[in-house]
């Protein structure tokens, strides 16, 4: 095993432990909140830009500020909802189950993160490097990366070389 293998183990382990501590409900609601924040900010930043003061005279800066404002606003609202739901889960006595399922979620997220990083590395010369070739774990995660690549539209997937 080389340093890349140890880094892979660290990423998966940290993701798993974080989800064990936070629990499945918190992790899923956080993920949904981040996705919603991005979608809302992307979808409504043009319309929200009209509410940014005219003191910001560059139109693209107003749109960027509106994007950031919407993104943060949705994160705050999502955080409040997450806190309320997590409090309810803890009061029901399901926190042990929530944490156990959270651990599985964290493991899956860690594997997904590594697979995405492998996919992005295919845009570079990294896969030809000796440390990449000598890795014990990279080939195991390459399977997941290949599956993700197969899900991409063909015009995007063509840029990723295994």
N, C-alpha and C. Protein backbone atom coordinates (compact mmCIF):
# COMPACT_ATOMS: atom_id res chain seq x y z
N UNK A 1 0.84 -1.19 0.00
CA UNK A 1 0.00 0.00 0.00
C UNK A 1 0.88 1.25 0.00
N UNK A 2 0.41 2.27 -0.70
CA UNK A 2 1.16 3.52 -0.74
C UNK A 2 0.34 4.64 -0.10
N UNK A 3 0.84 5.87 -0.20
CA UNK A 3 0.18 7.00 0.46
C UNK A 3 -1.24 7.25 -0.06
N UNK A 4 -1.47 7.00 -1.33
CA UNK A 4 -2.81 7.18 -1.89
C UNK A 4 -3.79 6.23 -1.21
N UNK A 5 -3.36 5.00 -0.99
CA UNK A 5 -4.22 4.03 -0.32
C UNK A 5 -4.57 4.48 1.09
N UNK A 6 -3.58 5.01 1.79
CA UNK A 6 -3.85 5.51 3.15
C UNK A 6 -4.78 6.73 3.13
N UNK A 7 -4.63 7.57 2.11
CA UNK A 7 -5.53 8.73 1.97
C UNK A 7 -6.96 8.27 1.68
N UNK A 8 -7.10 7.25 0.85
CA UNK A 8 -8.43 6.70 0.55
C UNK A 8 -9.07 6.16 1.82
N UNK A 9 -8.31 5.40 2.59
CA UNK A 9 -8.81 4.85 3.85
C UNK A 9 -9.23 5.98 4.78
N UNK A 10 -8.42 7.04 4.84
CA UNK A 10 -8.73 8.17 5.72
C UNK A 10 -10.03 8.86 5.31
N UNK A 11 -10.22 9.10 4.02
CA UNK A 11 -11.44 9.77 3.55
C UNK A 11 -12.67 8.94 3.88
N UNK A 12 -12.62 7.65 3.59
CA UNK A 12 -13.77 6.78 3.85
C UNK A 12 -14.03 6.68 5.35
N UNK A 13 -12.96 6.55 6.14
CA UNK A 13 -13.11 6.43 7.59
C UNK A 13 -13.67 7.71 8.20
N UNK A 14 -13.16 8.86 7.80
CA UNK A 14 -13.65 10.14 8.33
C UNK A 14 -15.12 10.34 7.95
N UNK A 15 -15.47 10.05 6.71
CA UNK A 15 -16.87 10.18 6.29
C UNK A 15 -17.78 9.26 7.10
N UNK A 16 -17.33 8.05 7.34
CA UNK A 16 -18.11 7.08 8.12
C UNK A 16 -18.28 7.55 9.55
N UNK A 17 -17.20 8.02 10.16
CA UNK A 17 -17.26 8.46 11.56
C UNK A 17 -18.12 9.71 11.73
N UNK A 18 -18.01 10.63 10.80
CA UNK A 18 -18.84 11.84 10.87
C UNK A 18 -20.32 11.45 10.82
N UNK A 19 -20.67 10.55 9.93
CA UNK A 19 -22.07 10.13 9.81
C UNK A 19 -22.52 9.31 11.01
N UNK A 20 -21.60 8.57 11.62
CA UNK A 20 -21.94 7.84 12.84
C UNK A 20 -22.30 8.81 13.95
N UNK A 21 -21.53 9.87 14.08
CA UNK A 21 -21.77 10.87 15.12
C UNK A 21 -23.03 11.68 14.82
N UNK A 22 -23.20 12.10 13.58
CA UNK A 22 -24.33 12.97 13.23
C UNK A 22 -25.63 12.20 13.03
N UNK A 23 -25.56 11.00 12.54
CA UNK A 23 -26.77 10.21 12.29
C UNK A 23 -27.28 10.38 10.87
N UNK A 24 -28.07 9.41 10.45
CA UNK A 24 -28.59 9.37 9.08
C UNK A 24 -29.49 10.56 8.76
N UNK A 25 -30.41 10.86 9.66
CA UNK A 25 -31.37 11.94 9.40
C UNK A 25 -30.64 13.26 9.17
N UNK A 26 -29.71 13.60 10.05
CA UNK A 26 -28.96 14.85 9.89
C UNK A 26 -28.18 14.87 8.58
N UNK A 27 -27.55 13.74 8.27
CA UNK A 27 -26.74 13.68 7.05
C UNK A 27 -27.60 13.85 5.80
N UNK A 28 -28.71 13.16 5.75
CA UNK A 28 -29.58 13.25 4.57
C UNK A 28 -30.19 14.64 4.45
N UNK A 29 -30.67 15.18 5.57
CA UNK A 29 -31.25 16.52 5.52
C UNK A 29 -30.20 17.56 5.14
N UNK A 30 -28.97 17.38 5.59
CA UNK A 30 -27.90 18.30 5.20
C UNK A 30 -27.64 18.22 3.70
N UNK A 31 -27.58 17.01 3.18
CA UNK A 31 -27.36 16.83 1.75
C UNK A 31 -28.49 17.46 0.94
N UNK A 32 -29.72 17.21 1.36
CA UNK A 32 -30.88 17.80 0.67
C UNK A 32 -30.82 19.33 0.74
N UNK A 33 -30.43 19.86 1.90
CA UNK A 33 -30.34 21.31 2.07
C UNK A 33 -29.31 21.92 1.13
N UNK A 34 -28.13 21.31 1.02
CA UNK A 34 -27.08 21.83 0.13
C UNK A 34 -27.53 21.78 -1.33
N UNK A 35 -28.17 20.69 -1.71
CA UNK A 35 -28.67 20.59 -3.09
C UNK A 35 -29.75 21.63 -3.34
N UNK A 36 -30.68 21.77 -2.39
CA UNK A 36 -31.76 22.76 -2.53
C UNK A 36 -31.18 24.17 -2.59
N UNK A 37 -30.19 24.46 -1.77
CA UNK A 37 -29.58 25.79 -1.77
C UNK A 37 -28.98 26.11 -3.14
N UNK A 38 -28.30 25.15 -3.72
CA UNK A 38 -27.70 25.35 -5.04
C UNK A 38 -28.78 25.54 -6.11
N UNK A 39 -29.80 24.69 -6.08
CA UNK A 39 -30.86 24.76 -7.08
C UNK A 39 -31.63 26.07 -6.97
N UNK A 40 -31.99 26.46 -5.75
CA UNK A 40 -32.73 27.72 -5.55
C UNK A 40 -31.88 28.91 -5.98
N UNK A 41 -30.63 28.93 -5.54
CA UNK A 41 -29.75 30.06 -5.89
C UNK A 41 -29.53 30.14 -7.39
N UNK A 42 -29.32 29.01 -8.02
CA UNK A 42 -29.11 28.99 -9.46
C UNK A 42 -30.38 29.39 -10.22
N UNK A 43 -31.51 28.91 -9.74
CA UNK A 43 -32.77 29.15 -10.43
C UNK A 43 -33.36 30.54 -10.24
N UNK A 44 -33.03 31.19 -9.12
CA UNK A 44 -33.71 32.45 -8.81
C UNK A 44 -32.76 33.64 -8.62
N UNK A 45 -31.48 33.47 -8.85
CA UNK A 45 -30.55 34.58 -8.62
C UNK A 45 -30.79 35.74 -9.59
N UNK A 46 -31.19 35.43 -10.82
CA UNK A 46 -31.47 36.51 -11.79
C UNK A 46 -32.64 37.37 -11.31
N UNK A 47 -33.71 36.70 -10.86
CA UNK A 47 -34.89 37.43 -10.39
C UNK A 47 -34.61 38.17 -9.09
N UNK A 48 -33.82 37.56 -8.20
CA UNK A 48 -33.52 38.18 -6.91
C UNK A 48 -32.55 39.34 -7.04
N UNK A 49 -31.82 39.40 -8.14
CA UNK A 49 -30.83 40.47 -8.33
C UNK A 49 -31.47 41.85 -8.34
N UNK A 50 -32.75 41.94 -8.71
CA UNK A 50 -33.42 43.25 -8.73
C UNK A 50 -33.60 43.81 -7.32
N UNK A 51 -33.51 42.97 -6.30
CA UNK A 51 -33.66 43.43 -4.92
C UNK A 51 -32.34 43.87 -4.29
N UNK A 52 -31.24 43.67 -5.00
CA UNK A 52 -29.93 44.11 -4.51
C UNK A 52 -29.84 45.62 -4.76
N UNK A 53 -29.38 46.38 -3.77
CA UNK A 53 -29.32 47.85 -3.91
C UNK A 53 -28.53 48.28 -5.15
N UNK A 54 -28.96 49.38 -5.72
CA UNK A 54 -28.31 49.93 -6.92
C UNK A 54 -26.89 50.41 -6.64
N UNK A 55 -26.51 50.46 -5.37
CA UNK A 55 -25.13 50.82 -5.03
C UNK A 55 -24.16 49.82 -5.65
N UNK A 56 -24.62 48.59 -5.83
CA UNK A 56 -23.83 47.59 -6.57
C UNK A 56 -24.22 47.78 -8.03
N UNK A 57 -23.37 48.54 -8.75
CA UNK A 57 -23.76 48.97 -10.09
C UNK A 57 -23.39 47.99 -11.21
N UNK A 58 -22.66 46.95 -10.91
CA UNK A 58 -22.30 45.96 -11.92
C UNK A 58 -23.37 44.85 -11.90
N UNK A 59 -24.10 44.67 -13.00
CA UNK A 59 -25.19 43.69 -13.02
C UNK A 59 -24.75 42.27 -12.62
N UNK A 60 -23.60 41.84 -13.11
CA UNK A 60 -23.15 40.48 -12.78
C UNK A 60 -22.81 40.36 -11.29
N UNK A 61 -22.35 41.45 -10.69
CA UNK A 61 -22.06 41.43 -9.25
C UNK A 61 -23.36 41.34 -8.46
N UNK A 62 -24.41 42.00 -8.94
CA UNK A 62 -25.72 41.90 -8.27
C UNK A 62 -26.25 40.47 -8.34
N UNK A 63 -26.10 39.84 -9.49
CA UNK A 63 -26.55 38.45 -9.65
C UNK A 63 -25.73 37.53 -8.73
N UNK A 64 -24.42 37.76 -8.67
CA UNK A 64 -23.57 36.94 -7.79
C UNK A 64 -23.95 37.13 -6.33
N UNK A 65 -24.21 38.36 -5.95
CA UNK A 65 -24.62 38.65 -4.57
C UNK A 65 -25.99 38.04 -4.27
N UNK A 66 -26.89 38.08 -5.23
CA UNK A 66 -28.20 37.44 -5.06
C UNK A 66 -28.05 35.93 -4.93
N UNK A 67 -27.18 35.34 -5.75
CA UNK A 67 -26.91 33.90 -5.67
C UNK A 67 -26.42 33.54 -4.27
N UNK A 68 -25.42 34.28 -3.80
CA UNK A 68 -24.85 34.01 -2.47
C UNK A 68 -25.89 34.19 -1.38
N UNK A 69 -26.68 35.24 -1.48
CA UNK A 69 -27.72 35.51 -0.47
C UNK A 69 -28.76 34.39 -0.42
N UNK A 70 -29.24 33.97 -1.58
CA UNK A 70 -30.22 32.89 -1.64
C UNK A 70 -29.62 31.58 -1.11
N UNK A 71 -28.38 31.32 -1.49
CA UNK A 71 -27.70 30.10 -1.06
C UNK A 71 -27.62 30.04 0.46
N UNK A 72 -27.16 31.13 1.07
CA UNK A 72 -27.02 31.19 2.53
C UNK A 72 -28.39 31.12 3.20
N UNK A 73 -29.38 31.81 2.65
CA UNK A 73 -30.73 31.80 3.22
C UNK A 73 -31.30 30.37 3.26
N UNK A 74 -31.17 29.65 2.16
CA UNK A 74 -31.67 28.27 2.13
C UNK A 74 -30.88 27.39 3.10
N UNK A 75 -29.57 27.61 3.22
CA UNK A 75 -28.78 26.84 4.19
C UNK A 75 -29.26 27.10 5.62
N UNK A 76 -29.57 28.33 5.93
CA UNK A 76 -30.06 28.67 7.28
C UNK A 76 -31.42 28.01 7.54
N UNK A 77 -32.32 28.13 6.59
CA UNK A 77 -33.65 27.51 6.75
C UNK A 77 -33.51 26.00 6.87
N UNK A 78 -32.69 25.40 6.02
CA UNK A 78 -32.45 23.96 6.09
C UNK A 78 -31.83 23.55 7.41
N UNK A 79 -30.93 24.37 7.93
CA UNK A 79 -30.31 24.08 9.23
C UNK A 79 -31.32 24.08 10.36
N UNK A 80 -32.24 25.02 10.30
CA UNK A 80 -33.30 25.09 11.33
C UNK A 80 -34.20 23.85 11.24
N UNK A 81 -34.59 23.49 10.03
CA UNK A 81 -35.42 22.29 9.85
C UNK A 81 -34.66 21.05 10.32
N UNK A 82 -33.40 20.97 9.98
CA UNK A 82 -32.56 19.83 10.39
C UNK A 82 -32.50 19.73 11.91
N UNK A 83 -32.32 20.86 12.58
CA UNK A 83 -32.26 20.87 14.04
C UNK A 83 -33.58 20.39 14.65
N UNK A 84 -34.70 20.86 14.11
CA UNK A 84 -36.01 20.46 14.64
C UNK A 84 -36.23 18.96 14.45
N UNK A 85 -35.97 18.46 13.25
CA UNK A 85 -36.18 17.03 12.98
C UNK A 85 -35.23 16.18 13.81
N UNK A 86 -33.97 16.60 13.94
CA UNK A 86 -33.00 15.84 14.74
C UNK A 86 -33.41 15.79 16.21
N UNK A 87 -33.94 16.89 16.71
CA UNK A 87 -34.42 16.93 18.10
C UNK A 87 -35.57 15.94 18.28
N UNK A 88 -36.47 15.89 17.32
CA UNK A 88 -37.59 14.95 17.39
C UNK A 88 -37.10 13.50 17.34
N UNK A 89 -36.12 13.21 16.49
CA UNK A 89 -35.57 11.85 16.39
C UNK A 89 -34.93 11.45 17.71
N UNK A 90 -34.20 12.36 18.34
CA UNK A 90 -33.55 12.05 19.62
C UNK A 90 -34.58 11.79 20.71
N UNK A 91 -35.70 12.50 20.67
CA UNK A 91 -36.74 12.32 21.70
C UNK A 91 -37.50 11.01 21.52
N UNK A 92 -37.49 10.46 20.31
CA UNK A 92 -38.21 9.20 20.07
C UNK A 92 -37.40 7.99 20.51
N UNK A 93 -36.13 8.18 20.80
CA UNK A 93 -35.29 7.06 21.20
C UNK A 93 -34.71 6.28 20.03
N UNK A 94 -34.80 6.84 18.83
CA UNK A 94 -34.27 6.16 17.65
C UNK A 94 -32.84 6.58 17.31
N UNK A 95 -32.18 7.27 18.23
CA UNK A 95 -30.86 7.81 17.89
C UNK A 95 -29.84 6.71 17.61
N UNK A 96 -29.94 5.56 18.29
CA UNK A 96 -29.01 4.46 18.02
C UNK A 96 -29.16 3.92 16.61
N UNK A 97 -30.39 3.70 16.21
CA UNK A 97 -30.67 3.23 14.85
C UNK A 97 -30.26 4.29 13.84
N UNK A 98 -30.58 5.53 14.15
CA UNK A 98 -30.24 6.65 13.27
C UNK A 98 -28.73 6.72 13.05
N UNK A 99 -27.97 6.54 14.09
CA UNK A 99 -26.51 6.60 13.99
C UNK A 99 -25.95 5.40 13.22
N UNK A 100 -26.53 4.23 13.44
CA UNK A 100 -26.06 3.03 12.74
C UNK A 100 -26.31 3.15 11.24
N UNK A 101 -27.50 3.58 10.87
CA UNK A 101 -27.81 3.77 9.45
C UNK A 101 -26.97 4.92 8.89
N UNK A 102 -26.72 5.92 9.73
CA UNK A 102 -25.85 7.03 9.33
C UNK A 102 -24.45 6.57 8.99
N UNK A 103 -23.96 5.59 9.74
CA UNK A 103 -22.63 5.05 9.48
C UNK A 103 -22.57 4.42 8.09
N UNK A 104 -23.61 3.69 7.72
CA UNK A 104 -23.66 3.08 6.38
C UNK A 104 -23.71 4.18 5.31
N UNK A 105 -24.50 5.22 5.58
CA UNK A 105 -24.58 6.36 4.66
C UNK A 105 -23.20 7.00 4.50
N UNK A 106 -22.50 7.19 5.62
CA UNK A 106 -21.17 7.80 5.58
C UNK A 106 -20.17 6.96 4.80
N UNK A 107 -20.26 5.65 4.95
CA UNK A 107 -19.39 4.74 4.19
C UNK A 107 -19.66 4.90 2.70
N UNK A 108 -20.94 4.90 2.33
CA UNK A 108 -21.31 5.06 0.92
C UNK A 108 -20.85 6.42 0.38
N UNK A 109 -21.00 7.46 1.20
CA UNK A 109 -20.57 8.79 0.77
C UNK A 109 -19.05 8.82 0.57
N UNK A 110 -18.31 8.19 1.47
CA UNK A 110 -16.86 8.13 1.33
C UNK A 110 -16.44 7.44 0.05
N UNK A 111 -17.09 6.32 -0.26
CA UNK A 111 -16.80 5.60 -1.50
C UNK A 111 -17.13 6.48 -2.70
N UNK A 112 -18.25 7.18 -2.65
CA UNK A 112 -18.66 8.06 -3.74
C UNK A 112 -17.66 9.20 -3.93
N UNK A 113 -17.20 9.79 -2.84
CA UNK A 113 -16.22 10.88 -2.91
C UNK A 113 -14.96 10.40 -3.61
N UNK A 114 -14.45 9.24 -3.20
CA UNK A 114 -13.23 8.70 -3.81
C UNK A 114 -13.47 8.41 -5.29
N UNK A 115 -14.61 7.83 -5.62
CA UNK A 115 -14.92 7.52 -7.02
C UNK A 115 -14.97 8.78 -7.88
N UNK A 116 -15.55 9.84 -7.35
CA UNK A 116 -15.60 11.12 -8.08
C UNK A 116 -14.19 11.69 -8.26
N UNK A 117 -13.38 11.61 -7.21
CA UNK A 117 -12.00 12.09 -7.32
C UNK A 117 -11.21 11.29 -8.37
N UNK A 118 -11.44 9.99 -8.42
CA UNK A 118 -10.79 9.15 -9.44
C UNK A 118 -11.27 9.57 -10.82
N UNK A 119 -12.55 9.82 -10.95
CA UNK A 119 -13.10 10.26 -12.24
C UNK A 119 -12.48 11.59 -12.67
N UNK A 120 -12.38 12.53 -11.74
CA UNK A 120 -11.76 13.83 -12.05
C UNK A 120 -10.28 13.69 -12.37
N UNK A 121 -9.61 12.76 -11.70
CA UNK A 121 -8.18 12.53 -11.96
C UNK A 121 -7.95 12.04 -13.38
N UNK A 122 -8.97 11.43 -13.98
CA UNK A 122 -8.84 10.95 -15.35
C UNK A 122 -8.73 12.10 -16.35
N UNK A 123 -9.01 13.31 -15.91
CA UNK A 123 -8.84 14.48 -16.76
C UNK A 123 -7.38 14.92 -16.80
N UNK A 124 -6.56 14.28 -15.97
CA UNK A 124 -5.14 14.63 -15.87
C UNK A 124 -4.29 13.42 -16.27
N UNK A 125 -2.99 13.56 -16.08
CA UNK A 125 -2.07 12.46 -16.37
C UNK A 125 -1.84 11.57 -15.14
N UNK A 126 -2.53 11.85 -14.05
CA UNK A 126 -2.32 11.09 -12.81
C UNK A 126 -2.43 9.57 -12.98
N UNK A 127 -3.42 9.06 -13.71
CA UNK A 127 -3.52 7.60 -13.81
C UNK A 127 -2.30 6.92 -14.43
N UNK A 128 -1.44 7.69 -15.09
CA UNK A 128 -0.23 7.12 -15.69
C UNK A 128 0.96 7.12 -14.73
N UNK A 129 0.82 7.82 -13.60
CA UNK A 129 1.91 7.92 -12.62
C UNK A 129 2.15 6.57 -11.94
N UNK A 130 3.38 6.36 -11.51
CA UNK A 130 3.75 5.08 -10.88
C UNK A 130 3.02 4.87 -9.55
N UNK A 131 2.83 5.95 -8.77
CA UNK A 131 2.14 5.80 -7.49
C UNK A 131 0.68 5.40 -7.70
N UNK A 132 0.09 5.87 -8.81
CA UNK A 132 -1.29 5.49 -9.13
C UNK A 132 -1.33 4.01 -9.50
N UNK A 133 -0.40 3.62 -10.36
CA UNK A 133 -0.35 2.24 -10.84
C UNK A 133 -0.07 1.24 -9.72
N UNK A 134 0.69 1.67 -8.70
CA UNK A 134 1.05 0.74 -7.62
C UNK A 134 0.03 0.73 -6.47
N UNK A 135 -1.00 1.53 -6.57
CA UNK A 135 -2.02 1.57 -5.52
C UNK A 135 -2.80 0.25 -5.46
N UNK A 136 -3.08 -0.18 -4.26
CA UNK A 136 -3.86 -1.40 -4.05
C UNK A 136 -5.36 -1.09 -4.11
N UNK A 137 -5.77 0.07 -3.60
CA UNK A 137 -7.19 0.39 -3.48
C UNK A 137 -7.79 1.10 -4.69
N UNK A 138 -7.00 1.85 -5.43
CA UNK A 138 -7.55 2.58 -6.58
C UNK A 138 -8.31 1.69 -7.56
N UNK A 139 -7.79 0.51 -7.90
CA UNK A 139 -8.56 -0.35 -8.82
C UNK A 139 -9.93 -0.76 -8.27
N UNK A 140 -10.02 -0.91 -6.95
CA UNK A 140 -11.30 -1.29 -6.34
C UNK A 140 -12.33 -0.17 -6.51
N UNK A 141 -11.88 1.06 -6.36
CA UNK A 141 -12.77 2.21 -6.48
C UNK A 141 -13.00 2.59 -7.94
N UNK A 142 -12.12 2.15 -8.82
CA UNK A 142 -12.26 2.43 -10.25
C UNK A 142 -13.58 1.86 -10.78
N UNK A 143 -14.00 0.74 -10.23
CA UNK A 143 -15.26 0.13 -10.66
C UNK A 143 -16.43 1.08 -10.41
N UNK A 144 -16.45 1.70 -9.24
CA UNK A 144 -17.51 2.66 -8.91
C UNK A 144 -17.39 3.89 -9.81
N UNK A 145 -16.17 4.33 -10.04
CA UNK A 145 -15.93 5.48 -10.91
C UNK A 145 -16.41 5.19 -12.33
N UNK A 146 -16.16 3.98 -12.81
CA UNK A 146 -16.62 3.59 -14.15
C UNK A 146 -18.15 3.59 -14.22
N UNK A 147 -18.79 3.16 -13.14
CA UNK A 147 -20.26 3.14 -13.09
C UNK A 147 -20.80 4.58 -13.16
N UNK A 148 -20.16 5.49 -12.42
CA UNK A 148 -20.57 6.91 -12.45
C UNK A 148 -20.38 7.47 -13.86
N UNK A 149 -19.24 7.15 -14.47
CA UNK A 149 -18.95 7.62 -15.82
C UNK A 149 -20.01 7.12 -16.81
N UNK A 150 -20.46 5.88 -16.64
CA UNK A 150 -21.48 5.32 -17.53
C UNK A 150 -22.81 6.05 -17.39
N UNK A 151 -23.03 6.70 -16.25
CA UNK A 151 -24.28 7.45 -16.03
C UNK A 151 -24.24 8.84 -16.66
N UNK A 152 -23.05 9.32 -16.99
CA UNK A 152 -22.90 10.65 -17.56
C UNK A 152 -23.34 10.67 -19.03
N UNK A 153 -23.80 11.82 -19.50
CA UNK A 153 -24.10 11.93 -20.93
C UNK A 153 -22.83 11.67 -21.75
N UNK A 154 -22.98 11.06 -22.92
CA UNK A 154 -21.83 10.66 -23.74
C UNK A 154 -20.91 11.83 -24.08
N UNK A 155 -21.48 13.02 -24.32
CA UNK A 155 -20.64 14.16 -24.68
C UNK A 155 -19.79 14.66 -23.52
N UNK A 156 -20.14 14.29 -22.29
CA UNK A 156 -19.31 14.63 -21.12
C UNK A 156 -18.38 13.47 -20.80
N UNK A 157 -18.89 12.26 -20.86
CA UNK A 157 -18.12 11.06 -20.50
C UNK A 157 -16.88 10.88 -21.38
N UNK A 158 -16.93 11.37 -22.61
CA UNK A 158 -15.80 11.18 -23.54
C UNK A 158 -14.51 11.84 -23.05
N UNK A 159 -14.62 12.81 -22.14
CA UNK A 159 -13.43 13.50 -21.65
C UNK A 159 -12.69 12.72 -20.56
N UNK A 160 -13.35 11.72 -19.99
CA UNK A 160 -12.75 10.95 -18.91
C UNK A 160 -12.12 9.68 -19.49
N UNK A 161 -10.82 9.54 -19.28
CA UNK A 161 -10.09 8.39 -19.81
C UNK A 161 -9.69 7.49 -18.66
N UNK A 162 -10.02 6.22 -18.76
CA UNK A 162 -9.68 5.27 -17.69
C UNK A 162 -8.21 4.92 -17.72
